[in-house]
Amino acid sequence: MKQFNASHLEIKKWFTGRFETHPYETGWADEAIFFVMIEHIKGENPTLTAHVEISHDGVNWASDGSSPVTVSGRGLHPIKVQPNFGNWLRLAVNIDGGELFLNIQIHCKG
């Protein structure tokens, strides 16, 4: 029987500029996906660019090699994680052109 877990990494707060989400231990999972909910916007059409980072220990990080994902506008924006992601995941994020009120989750199953 498969296991499933949904966890909040960043909960309902304003973000601007560069940041990384809290890391999440995913070694037990076969697949993972991030959900970025943009709830409110300040500024003229700000954009969010994110890419998945992986880690063997939750301290040292590297890009997973996937292309960055850029989104704008309110709503739910999924960011898929490539297979064979190892033990730890997080998102590296950059927001240009304003501020975004975000709720970021990771969903894993395995």
PDB file of N, CA and C in Angstrom:
ATOM      1  N   MET A   1       0.837  -1.171   0.000  1.00  0.00           N
ATOM      2  CA  MET A   1       0.000   0.000   0.000  1.00  0.00           C
ATOM      3  C   MET A   1       0.893   1.250   0.000  1.00  0.00           C
ATOM      4  N   LYS A   2       0.610   2.183  -0.888  1.00  0.00           N
ATOM      5  CA  LYS A   2       1.406   3.408  -0.983  1.00  0.00           C
ATOM      6  C   LYS A   2       1.118   4.346   0.183  1.00  0.00           C
ATOM      7  N   GLN A   3       2.137   5.136   0.528  1.00  0.00           N
ATOM      8  CA  GLN A   3       1.986   6.175   1.539  1.00  0.00           C
ATOM      9  C   GLN A   3       1.883   7.516   0.835  1.00  0.00           C
ATOM     10  N   PHE A   4       1.189   8.475   1.473  1.00  0.00           N
ATOM     11  CA  PHE A   4       1.052   9.820   0.924  1.00  0.00           C
ATOM     12  C   PHE A   4       1.223  10.823   2.054  1.00  0.00           C
ATOM     13  N   ASN A   5       1.898  11.931   1.750  1.00  0.00           N
ATOM     14  CA  ASN A   5       2.076  12.978   2.740  1.00  0.00           C
ATOM     15  C   ASN A   5       2.026  14.331   2.057  1.00  0.00           C
ATOM     16  N   ALA A   6       1.291  15.260   2.647  1.00  0.00           N
ATOM     17  CA  ALA A   6       1.249  16.648   2.186  1.00  0.00           C
ATOM     18  C   ALA A   6       1.737  17.527   3.331  1.00  0.00           C
ATOM     19  N   SER A   7       2.720  18.383   3.063  1.00  0.00           N
ATOM     20  CA  SER A   7       3.290  19.227   4.111  1.00  0.00           C
ATOM     21  C   SER A   7       3.427  20.666   3.636  1.00  0.00           C
ATOM     22  N   HIS A   8       3.141  21.597   4.531  1.00  0.00           N
ATOM     23  CA  HIS A   8       3.337  23.022   4.256  1.00  0.00           C
ATOM     24  C   HIS A   8       4.802  23.367   4.495  1.00  0.00           C
ATOM     25  N   LEU A   9       5.429  24.004   3.521  1.00  0.00           N
ATOM     26  CA  LEU A   9       6.815  24.452   3.664  1.00  0.00           C
ATOM     27  C   LEU A   9       6.885  25.932   4.015  1.00  0.00           C
ATOM     28  N   GLU A  10       6.018  26.723   3.422  1.00  0.00           N
ATOM     29  CA  GLU A  10       5.901  28.159   3.715  1.00  0.00           C
ATOM     30  C   GLU A  10       4.411  28.464   3.786  1.00  0.00           C
ATOM     31  N   ILE A  11       3.987  29.100   4.870  1.00  0.00           N
ATOM     32  CA  ILE A  11       2.554  29.246   5.110  1.00  0.00           C
ATOM     33  C   ILE A  11       2.139  30.704   5.141  1.00  0.00           C
ATOM     34  N   LYS A  12       1.373  31.102   4.136  1.00  0.00           N
ATOM     35  CA  LYS A  12       0.645  32.364   4.093  1.00  0.00           C
ATOM     36  C   LYS A  12       1.433  33.561   4.617  1.00  0.00           C
ATOM     37  N   LYS A  13       2.458  33.957   3.843  1.00  0.00           N
ATOM     38  CA  LYS A  13       3.184  35.175   4.175  1.00  0.00           C
ATOM     39  C   LYS A  13       3.706  35.831   2.899  1.00  0.00           C
ATOM     40  N   TRP A  14       4.091  37.102   3.026  1.00  0.00           N
ATOM     41  CA  TRP A  14       4.598  37.873   1.896  1.00  0.00           C
ATOM     42  C   TRP A  14       6.063  37.550   1.643  1.00  0.00           C
ATOM     43  N   PHE A  15       6.403  37.428   0.351  1.00  0.00           N
ATOM     44  CA  PHE A  15       7.782  37.160  -0.065  1.00  0.00           C
ATOM     45  C   PHE A  15       8.171  38.129  -1.178  1.00  0.00           C
ATOM     46  N   THR A  16       9.462  38.467  -1.213  1.00  0.00           N
ATOM     47  CA  THR A  16      10.042  39.244  -2.296  1.00  0.00           C
ATOM     48  C   THR A  16      11.503  38.830  -2.441  1.00  0.00           C
ATOM     49  N   GLY A  17      12.071  39.007  -3.626  1.00  0.00           N
ATOM     50  CA  GLY A  17      13.479  38.677  -3.836  1.00  0.00           C
ATOM     51  C   GLY A  17      13.744  37.183  -3.825  1.00  0.00           C
ATOM     52  N   ARG A  18      14.949  36.819  -3.378  1.00  0.00           N
ATOM     53  CA  ARG A  18      15.392  35.415  -3.403  1.00  0.00           C
ATOM     54  C   ARG A  18      15.201  34.770  -2.034  1.00  0.00           C
ATOM     55  N   PHE A  19      14.778  33.504  -2.053  1.00  0.00           N
ATOM     56  CA  PHE A  19      14.707  32.711  -0.827  1.00  0.00           C
ATOM     57  C   PHE A  19      14.641  31.236  -1.191  1.00  0.00           C
ATOM     58  N   GLU A  20      14.867  30.402  -0.201  1.00  0.00           N
ATOM     59  CA  GLU A  20      14.691  28.956  -0.353  1.00  0.00           C
ATOM     60  C   GLU A  20      13.631  28.512   0.646  1.00  0.00           C
ATOM     61  N   THR A  21      12.813  27.543   0.246  1.00  0.00           N
ATOM     62  CA  THR A  21      11.823  27.008   1.173  1.00  0.00           C
ATOM     63  C   THR A  21      12.518  26.191   2.256  1.00  0.00           C
ATOM     64  N   HIS A  22      11.775  25.891   3.299  1.00  0.00           N
ATOM     65  CA  HIS A  22      12.281  24.949   4.290  1.00  0.00           C
ATOM     66  C   HIS A  22      12.526  23.615   3.588  1.00  0.00           C
ATOM     67  N   PRO A  23      13.576  22.903   3.941  1.00  0.00           N
ATOM     68  CA  PRO A  23      13.841  21.603   3.315  1.00  0.00           C
ATOM     69  C   PRO A  23      12.867  20.546   3.822  1.00  0.00           C
ATOM     70  N   TYR A  24      12.704  19.504   3.016  1.00  0.00           N
ATOM     71  CA  TYR A  24      11.797  18.418   3.385  1.00  0.00           C
ATOM     72  C   TYR A  24      12.457  17.080   3.073  1.00  0.00           C
ATOM     73  N   GLU A  25      12.454  16.177   4.044  1.00  0.00           N
ATOM     74  CA  GLU A  25      13.071  14.862   3.872  1.00  0.00           C
ATOM     75  C   GLU A  25      12.120  13.949   3.105  1.00  0.00           C
ATOM     76  N   THR A  26      12.578  13.462   1.943  1.00  0.00           N
ATOM     77  CA  THR A  26      11.704  12.716   1.026  1.00  0.00           C
ATOM     78  C   THR A  26      12.283  11.375   0.605  1.00  0.00           C
ATOM     79  N   GLY A  27      13.268  10.875   1.314  1.00  0.00           N
ATOM     80  CA  GLY A  27      13.929   9.637   0.912  1.00  0.00           C
ATOM     81  C   GLY A  27      13.002   8.438   0.798  1.00  0.00           C
ATOM     82  N   TRP A  28      11.900   8.450   1.514  1.00  0.00           N
ATOM     83  CA  TRP A  28      10.940   7.337   1.490  1.00  0.00           C
ATOM     84  C   TRP A  28      10.038   7.382   0.256  1.00  0.00           C
ATOM     85  N   ALA A  29       9.944   8.536  -0.416  1.00  0.00           N
ATOM     86  CA  ALA A  29       8.950   8.741  -1.480  1.00  0.00           C
ATOM     87  C   ALA A  29       9.478   8.328  -2.852  1.00  0.00           C
ATOM     88  N   ASP A  30       8.552   7.907  -3.719  1.00  0.00           N
ATOM     89  CA  ASP A  30       8.870   7.606  -5.115  1.00  0.00           C
ATOM     90  C   ASP A  30       8.661   8.816  -6.013  1.00  0.00           C
ATOM     91  N   GLU A  31       7.750   9.704  -5.618  1.00  0.00           N
ATOM     92  CA  GLU A  31       7.481  10.894  -6.418  1.00  0.00           C
ATOM     93  C   GLU A  31       7.091  12.055  -5.521  1.00  0.00           C
ATOM     94  N   ALA A  32       7.320  13.276  -6.039  1.00  0.00           N
ATOM     95  CA  ALA A  32       7.022  14.486  -5.281  1.00  0.00           C
ATOM     96  C   ALA A  32       6.626  15.600  -6.237  1.00  0.00           C
ATOM     97  N   ILE A  33       5.817  16.527  -5.721  1.00  0.00           N
ATOM     98  CA  ILE A  33       5.412  17.701  -6.484  1.00  0.00           C
ATOM     99  C   ILE A  33       5.215  18.859  -5.511  1.00  0.00           C
ATOM    100  N   PHE A  34       5.688  20.042  -5.903  1.00  0.00           N
ATOM    101  CA  PHE A  34       5.456  21.256  -5.124  1.00  0.00           C
ATOM    102  C   PHE A  34       4.205  21.943  -5.651  1.00  0.00           C
ATOM    103  N   PHE A  35       3.435  22.541  -4.749  1.00  0.00           N
ATOM    104  CA  PHE A  35       2.295  23.367  -5.121  1.00  0.00           C
ATOM    105  C   PHE A  35       2.528  24.762  -4.559  1.00  0.00           C
ATOM    106  N   VAL A  36       2.611  25.753  -5.458  1.00  0.00           N
ATOM    107  CA  VAL A  36       2.808  27.143  -5.071  1.00  0.00           C
ATOM    108  C   VAL A  36       1.488  27.873  -5.292  1.00  0.00           C
ATOM    109  N   MET A  37       0.862  28.307  -4.202  1.00  0.00           N
ATOM    110  CA  MET A  37      -0.382  29.065  -4.285  1.00  0.00           C
ATOM    111  C   MET A  37      -0.060  30.542  -4.107  1.00  0.00           C
ATOM    112  N   ILE A  38      -0.307  31.325  -5.168  1.00  0.00           N
ATOM    113  CA  ILE A  38      -0.159  32.778  -5.085  1.00  0.00           C
ATOM    114  C   ILE A  38      -1.534  33.329  -4.719  1.00  0.00           C
ATOM    115  N   GLU A  39      -1.640  33.867  -3.495  1.00  0.00           N
ATOM    116  CA  GLU A  39      -2.938  34.317  -2.993  1.00  0.00           C
ATOM    117  C   GLU A  39      -3.171  35.804  -3.201  1.00  0.00           C
ATOM    118  N   HIS A  40      -2.114  36.621  -3.029  1.00  0.00           N
ATOM    119  CA  HIS A  40      -2.235  38.071  -3.194  1.00  0.00           C
ATOM    120  C   HIS A  40      -0.976  38.592  -3.872  1.00  0.00           C
ATOM    121  N   ILE A  41      -1.124  39.730  -4.558  1.00  0.00           N
ATOM    122  CA  ILE A  41      -0.029  40.309  -5.339  1.00  0.00           C
ATOM    123  C   ILE A  41       0.104  41.787  -5.008  1.00  0.00           C
ATOM    124  N   LYS A  42       1.352  42.269  -4.819  1.00  0.00           N
ATOM    125  CA  LYS A  42       1.667  43.694  -4.720  1.00  0.00           C
ATOM    126  C   LYS A  42       2.662  44.001  -5.832  1.00  0.00           C
ATOM    127  N   GLY A  43       2.393  45.044  -6.596  1.00  0.00           N
ATOM    128  CA  GLY A  43       3.282  45.400  -7.692  1.00  0.00           C
ATOM    129  C   GLY A  43       2.608  45.122  -9.025  1.00  0.00           C
ATOM    130  N   GLU A  44       3.298  45.533 -10.093  1.00  0.00           N
ATOM    131  CA  GLU A  44       2.756  45.347 -11.439  1.00  0.00           C
ATOM    132  C   GLU A  44       3.262  44.054 -12.032  1.00  0.00           C
ATOM    133  N   ASN A  45       2.416  43.049 -12.069  1.00  0.00           N
ATOM    134  CA  ASN A  45       2.705  41.758 -12.688  1.00  0.00           C
ATOM    135  C   ASN A  45       4.025  41.129 -12.228  1.00  0.00           C
ATOM    136  N   PRO A  46       4.209  40.913 -10.927  1.00  0.00           N
ATOM    137  CA  PRO A  46       5.426  40.233 -10.482  1.00  0.00           C
ATOM    138  C   PRO A  46       5.477  38.791 -10.975  1.00  0.00           C
ATOM    139  N   THR A  47       6.686  38.284 -11.140  1.00  0.00           N
ATOM    140  CA  THR A  47       6.871  36.890 -11.558  1.00  0.00           C
ATOM    141  C   THR A  47       7.641  36.130 -10.483  1.00  0.00           C
ATOM    142  N   LEU A  48       7.367  34.843 -10.414  1.00  0.00           N
ATOM    143  CA  LEU A  48       8.056  33.933  -9.504  1.00  0.00           C
ATOM    144  C   LEU A  48       8.767  32.897 -10.352  1.00  0.00           C
ATOM    145  N   THR A  49      10.068  32.767 -10.159  1.00  0.00           N
ATOM    146  CA  THR A  49      10.849  31.733 -10.831  1.00  0.00           C
ATOM    147  C   THR A  49      11.391  30.792  -9.763  1.00  0.00           C
ATOM    148  N   ALA A  50      11.155  29.495  -9.958  1.00  0.00           N
ATOM    149  CA  ALA A  50      11.580  28.502  -8.966  1.00  0.00           C
ATOM    150  C   ALA A  50      12.262  27.337  -9.655  1.00  0.00           C
ATOM    151  N   HIS A  51      13.235  26.759  -8.964  1.00  0.00           N
ATOM    152  CA  HIS A  51      13.809  25.504  -9.434  1.00  0.00           C
ATOM    153  C   HIS A  51      14.034  24.583  -8.238  1.00  0.00           C
ATOM    154  N   VAL A  52      13.967  23.306  -8.514  1.00  0.00           N
ATOM    155  CA  VAL A  52      14.080  22.285  -7.479  1.00  0.00           C
ATOM    156  C   VAL A  52      15.546  22.081  -7.125  1.00  0.00           C
ATOM    157  N   GLU A  53      15.819  22.013  -5.825  1.00  0.00           N
ATOM    158  CA  GLU A  53      17.156  21.685  -5.347  1.00  0.00           C
ATOM    159  C   GLU A  53      17.100  20.385  -4.555  1.00  0.00           C
ATOM    160  N   ILE A  54      18.200  19.612  -4.643  1.00  0.00           N
ATOM    161  CA  ILE A  54      18.299  18.327  -3.953  1.00  0.00           C
ATOM    162  C   ILE A  54      19.502  18.343  -3.012  1.00  0.00           C
ATOM    163  N   SER A  55      19.447  17.459  -2.014  1.00  0.00           N
ATOM    164  CA  SER A  55      20.540  17.369  -1.055  1.00  0.00           C
ATOM    165  C   SER A  55      20.645  15.956  -0.511  1.00  0.00           C
ATOM    166  N   HIS A  56      21.849  15.553  -0.208  1.00  0.00           N
ATOM    167  CA  HIS A  56      22.064  14.251   0.419  1.00  0.00           C
ATOM    168  C   HIS A  56      21.962  14.333   1.938  1.00  0.00           C
ATOM    169  N   ASP A  57      22.135  15.556   2.492  1.00  0.00           N
ATOM    170  CA  ASP A  57      22.168  15.693   3.946  1.00  0.00           C
ATOM    171  C   ASP A  57      21.270  16.796   4.503  1.00  0.00           C
ATOM    172  N   GLY A  58      20.576  17.560   3.644  1.00  0.00           N
ATOM    173  CA  GLY A  58      19.726  18.651   4.102  1.00  0.00           C
ATOM    174  C   GLY A  58      20.486  19.916   4.451  1.00  0.00           C
ATOM    175  N   VAL A  59      21.804  19.932   4.207  1.00  0.00           N
ATOM    176  CA  VAL A  59      22.640  21.095   4.503  1.00  0.00           C
ATOM    177  C   VAL A  59      23.265  21.652   3.230  1.00  0.00           C
ATOM    178  N   ASN A  60      23.831  20.781   2.406  1.00  0.00           N
ATOM    179  CA  ASN A  60      24.481  21.167   1.151  1.00  0.00           C
ATOM    180  C   ASN A  60      23.525  20.889   0.000  1.00  0.00           C
ATOM    181  N   TRP A  61      23.372  21.888  -0.895  1.00  0.00           N
ATOM    182  CA  TRP A  61      22.326  21.819  -1.917  1.00  0.00           C
ATOM    183  C   TRP A  61      22.888  21.967  -3.323  1.00  0.00           C
ATOM    184  N   ALA A  62      22.190  21.339  -4.289  1.00  0.00           N
ATOM    185  CA  ALA A  62      22.530  21.441  -5.711  1.00  0.00           C
ATOM    186  C   ALA A  62      21.240  21.460  -6.517  1.00  0.00           C
ATOM    187  N   SER A  63      21.299  22.072  -7.689  1.00  0.00           N
ATOM    188  CA  SER A  63      20.161  22.028  -8.602  1.00  0.00           C
ATOM    189  C   SER A  63      19.912  20.586  -9.021  1.00  0.00           C
ATOM    190  N   ASP A  64      18.652  20.235  -9.251  1.00  0.00           N
ATOM    191  CA  ASP A  64      18.351  18.870  -9.718  1.00  0.00           C
ATOM    192  C   ASP A  64      18.538  18.729 -11.221  1.00  0.00           C
ATOM    193  N   GLY A  65      18.932  19.811 -11.897  1.00  0.00           N
ATOM    194  CA  GLY A  65      19.185  19.760 -13.327  1.00  0.00           C
ATOM    195  C   GLY A  65      17.985  20.081 -14.193  1.00  0.00           C
ATOM    196  N   SER A  66      16.823  20.280 -13.586  1.00  0.00           N
ATOM    197  CA  SER A  66      15.630  20.623 -14.369  1.00  0.00           C
ATOM    198  C   SER A  66      15.642  22.114 -14.700  1.00  0.00           C
ATOM    199  N   SER A  67      14.843  22.491 -15.671  1.00  0.00           N
ATOM    200  CA  SER A  67      14.725  23.899 -16.042  1.00  0.00           C
ATOM    201  C   SER A  67      13.909  24.649 -14.995  1.00  0.00           C
ATOM    202  N   PRO A  68      14.262  25.914 -14.723  1.00  0.00           N
ATOM    203  CA  PRO A  68      13.448  26.712 -13.807  1.00  0.00           C
ATOM    204  C   PRO A  68      12.028  26.882 -14.350  1.00  0.00           C
ATOM    205  N   VAL A  69      11.087  27.055 -13.438  1.00  0.00           N
ATOM    206  CA  VAL A  69       9.684  27.275 -13.790  1.00  0.00           C
ATOM    207  C   VAL A  69       9.341  28.710 -13.412  1.00  0.00           C
ATOM    208  N   THR A  70       8.779  29.481 -14.360  1.00  0.00           N
ATOM    209  CA  THR A  70       8.368  30.858 -14.098  1.00  0.00           C
ATOM    210  C   THR A  70       6.856  30.954 -14.205  1.00  0.00           C
ATOM    211  N   VAL A  71       6.243  31.559 -13.171  1.00  0.00           N
ATOM    212  CA  VAL A  71       4.786  31.715 -13.137  1.00  0.00           C
ATOM    213  C   VAL A  71       4.453  33.141 -12.727  1.00  0.00           C
ATOM    214  N   SER A  72       3.231  33.551 -13.037  1.00  0.00           N
ATOM    215  CA  SER A  72       2.724  34.846 -12.586  1.00  0.00           C
ATOM    216  C   SER A  72       1.213  34.728 -12.434  1.00  0.00           C
ATOM    217  N   GLY A  73       0.656  35.647 -11.701  1.00  0.00           N
ATOM    218  CA  GLY A  73      -0.790  35.655 -11.509  1.00  0.00           C
ATOM    219  C   GLY A  73      -1.216  34.803 -10.329  1.00  0.00           C
ATOM    220  N   ARG A  74      -2.375  35.162  -9.801  1.00  0.00           N
ATOM    221  CA  ARG A  74      -2.909  34.426  -8.657  1.00  0.00           C
ATOM    222  C   ARG A  74      -3.350  33.037  -9.071  1.00  0.00           C
ATOM    223  N   GLY A  75      -3.342  32.134  -8.089  1.00  0.00           N
ATOM    224  CA  GLY A  75      -3.800  30.778  -8.341  1.00  0.00           C
ATOM    225  C   GLY A  75      -2.771  29.743  -7.949  1.00  0.00           C
ATOM    226  N   LEU A  76      -3.085  28.493  -8.276  1.00  0.00           N
ATOM    227  CA  LEU A  76      -2.245  27.353  -7.915  1.00  0.00           C
ATOM    228  C   LEU A  76      -1.318  26.997  -9.071  1.00  0.00           C
ATOM    229  N   HIS A  77      -0.024  26.879  -8.759  1.00  0.00           N
ATOM    230  CA  HIS A  77       0.992  26.590  -9.763  1.00  0.00           C
ATOM    231  C   HIS A  77       1.795  25.363  -9.328  1.00  0.00           C
ATOM    232  N   PRO A  78       1.619  24.213 -10.000  1.00  0.00           N
ATOM    233  CA  PRO A  78       2.391  23.016  -9.644  1.00  0.00           C
ATOM    234  C   PRO A  78       3.803  23.065 -10.230  1.00  0.00           C
ATOM    235  N   ILE A  79       4.756  22.527  -9.481  1.00  0.00           N
ATOM    236  CA  ILE A  79       6.136  22.394  -9.949  1.00  0.00           C
ATOM    237  C   ILE A  79       6.537  20.945  -9.724  1.00  0.00           C
ATOM    238  N   LYS A  80       6.679  20.213 -10.822  1.00  0.00           N
ATOM    239  CA  LYS A  80       6.958  18.781 -10.742  1.00  0.00           C
ATOM    240  C   LYS A  80       8.430  18.530 -10.433  1.00  0.00           C
ATOM    241  N   VAL A  81       8.670  17.451  -9.706  1.00  0.00           N
ATOM    242  CA  VAL A  81      10.019  17.041  -9.336  1.00  0.00           C
ATOM    243  C   VAL A  81      10.412  15.842 -10.188  1.00  0.00           C
ATOM    244  N   GLN A  82      11.629  15.882 -10.742  1.00  0.00           N
ATOM    245  CA  GLN A  82      12.122  14.757 -11.538  1.00  0.00           C
ATOM    246  C   GLN A  82      12.293  13.517 -10.656  1.00  0.00           C
ATOM    247  N   PRO A  83      12.190  12.321 -11.250  1.00  0.00           N
ATOM    248  CA  PRO A  83      12.429  11.098 -10.469  1.00  0.00           C
ATOM    249  C   PRO A  83      13.881  11.011  -9.985  1.00  0.00           C
ATOM    250  N   ASN A  84      14.134  10.119  -9.052  1.00  0.00           N
ATOM    251  CA  ASN A  84      15.476   9.882  -8.494  1.00  0.00           C
ATOM    252  C   ASN A  84      16.040  11.132  -7.833  1.00  0.00           C
ATOM    253  N   PHE A  85      15.252  11.714  -6.938  1.00  0.00           N
ATOM    254  CA  PHE A  85      15.615  12.983  -6.325  1.00  0.00           C
ATOM    255  C   PHE A  85      16.399  12.854  -5.024  1.00  0.00           C
ATOM    256  N   GLY A  86      16.617  11.662  -4.536  1.00  0.00           N
ATOM    257  CA  GLY A  86      17.434  11.519  -3.330  1.00  0.00           C
ATOM    258  C   GLY A  86      16.642  11.693  -2.044  1.00  0.00           C
ATOM    259  N   ASN A  87      17.300  12.272  -1.032  1.00  0.00           N
ATOM    260  CA  ASN A  87      16.731  12.271   0.311  1.00  0.00           C
ATOM    261  C   ASN A  87      16.091  13.583   0.745  1.00  0.00           C
ATOM    262  N   TRP A  88      16.539  14.728   0.233  1.00  0.00           N
ATOM    263  CA  TRP A  88      16.001  16.021   0.656  1.00  0.00           C
ATOM    264  C   TRP A  88      15.635  16.868  -0.562  1.00  0.00           C
ATOM    265  N   LEU A  89      14.547  17.643  -0.439  1.00  0.00           N
ATOM    266  CA  LEU A  89      14.100  18.554  -1.494  1.00  0.00           C
ATOM    267  C   LEU A  89      13.784  19.927  -0.908  1.00  0.00           C
ATOM    268  N   ARG A  90      13.944  20.945  -1.747  1.00  0.00           N
ATOM    269  CA  ARG A  90      13.469  22.292  -1.444  1.00  0.00           C
ATOM    270  C   ARG A  90      13.334  23.042  -2.760  1.00  0.00           C
ATOM    271  N   LEU A  91      12.688  24.201  -2.715  1.00  0.00           N
ATOM    272  CA  LEU A  91      12.603  25.085  -3.872  1.00  0.00           C
ATOM    273  C   LEU A  91      13.484  26.303  -3.639  1.00  0.00           C
ATOM    274  N   ALA A  92      14.252  26.680  -4.650  1.00  0.00           N
ATOM    275  CA  ALA A  92      14.963  27.955  -4.664  1.00  0.00           C
ATOM    276  C   ALA A  92      14.108  28.900  -5.502  1.00  0.00           C
ATOM    277  N   VAL A  93      13.758  30.047  -4.935  1.00  0.00           N
ATOM    278  CA  VAL A  93      12.756  30.929  -5.535  1.00  0.00           C
ATOM    279  C   VAL A  93      13.327  32.326  -5.705  1.00  0.00           C
ATOM    280  N   ASN A  94      12.934  32.990  -6.796  1.00  0.00           N
ATOM    281  CA  ASN A  94      13.227  34.399  -6.996  1.00  0.00           C
ATOM    282  C   ASN A  94      11.955  35.097  -7.463  1.00  0.00           C
ATOM    283  N   ILE A  95      11.609  36.199  -6.797  1.00  0.00           N
ATOM    284  CA  ILE A  95      10.433  36.985  -7.164  1.00  0.00           C
ATOM    285  C   ILE A  95      10.915  38.328  -7.685  1.00  0.00           C
ATOM    286  N   ASP A  96      10.491  38.671  -8.894  1.00  0.00           N
ATOM    287  CA  ASP A  96      10.836  39.949  -9.523  1.00  0.00           C
ATOM    288  C   ASP A  96       9.587  40.792  -9.715  1.00  0.00           C
ATOM    289  N   GLY A  97       9.712  42.105  -9.506  1.00  0.00           N
ATOM    290  CA  GLY A  97       8.653  43.030  -9.867  1.00  0.00           C
ATOM    291  C   GLY A  97       7.578  43.250  -8.820  1.00  0.00           C
ATOM    292  N   GLY A  98       7.795  42.809  -7.607  1.00  0.00           N
ATOM    293  CA  GLY A  98       6.793  43.038  -6.576  1.00  0.00           C
ATOM    294  C   GLY A  98       6.891  42.041  -5.444  1.00  0.00           C
ATOM    295  N   GLU A  99       5.781  41.893  -4.727  1.00  0.00           N
ATOM    296  CA  GLU A  99       5.696  40.958  -3.607  1.00  0.00           C
ATOM    297  C   GLU A  99       4.554  39.990  -3.850  1.00  0.00           C
ATOM    298  N   LEU A 100       4.719  38.769  -3.361  1.00  0.00           N
ATOM    299  CA  LEU A 100       3.685  37.744  -3.498  1.00  0.00           C
ATOM    300  C   LEU A 100       3.374  37.145  -2.132  1.00  0.00           C
ATOM    301  N   PHE A 101       2.092  36.975  -1.862  1.00  0.00           N
ATOM    302  CA  PHE A 101       1.626  36.307  -0.644  1.00  0.00           C
ATOM    303  C   PHE A 101       1.439  34.844  -0.999  1.00  0.00           C
ATOM    304  N   LEU A 102       2.290  33.976  -0.428  1.00  0.00           N
ATOM    305  CA  LEU A 102       2.390  32.588  -0.879  1.00  0.00           C
ATOM    306  C   LEU A 102       2.020  31.578   0.197  1.00  0.00           C
ATOM    307  N   ASN A 103       1.575  30.435  -0.285  1.00  0.00           N
ATOM    308  CA  ASN A 103       1.411  29.226   0.507  1.00  0.00           C
ATOM    309  C   ASN A 103       2.055  28.120  -0.329  1.00  0.00           C
ATOM    310  N   ILE A 104       3.142  27.514   0.167  1.00  0.00           N
ATOM    311  CA  ILE A 104       3.881  26.516  -0.609  1.00  0.00           C
ATOM    312  C   ILE A 104       3.819  25.174   0.110  1.00  0.00           C
ATOM    313  N   GLN A 105       3.397  24.150  -0.622  1.00  0.00           N
ATOM    314  CA  GLN A 105       3.298  22.794  -0.081  1.00  0.00           C
ATOM    315  C   GLN A 105       4.115  21.831  -0.932  1.00  0.00           C
ATOM    316  N   ILE A 106       4.484  20.703  -0.327  1.00  0.00           N
ATOM    317  CA  ILE A 106       5.058  19.585  -1.062  1.00  0.00           C
ATOM    318  C   ILE A 106       4.177  18.369  -0.800  1.00  0.00           C
ATOM    319  N   HIS A 107       3.893  17.631  -1.857  1.00  0.00           N
ATOM    320  CA  HIS A 107       3.114  16.391  -1.755  1.00  0.00           C
ATOM    321  C   HIS A 107       3.997  15.247  -2.230  1.00  0.00           C
ATOM    322  N   CYS A 108       4.079  14.196  -1.424  1.00  0.00           N
ATOM    323  CA  CYS A 108       4.933  13.045  -1.730  1.00  0.00           C
ATOM    324  C   CYS A 108       4.137  11.761  -1.612  1.00  0.00           C
ATOM    325  N   LYS A 109       4.480  10.796  -2.470  1.00  0.00           N
ATOM    326  CA  LYS A 109       3.913   9.459  -2.293  1.00  0.00           C
ATOM    327  C   LYS A 109       4.950   8.420  -2.646  1.00  0.00           C
ATOM    328  N   GLY A 110       4.804   7.277  -2.014  1.00  0.00           N
ATOM    329  CA  GLY A 110       5.772   6.225  -2.263  1.00  0.00           C
ATOM    330  C   GLY A 110       5.336   4.911  -1.670  1.00  0.00           C
TER     331      GLY A 110
END
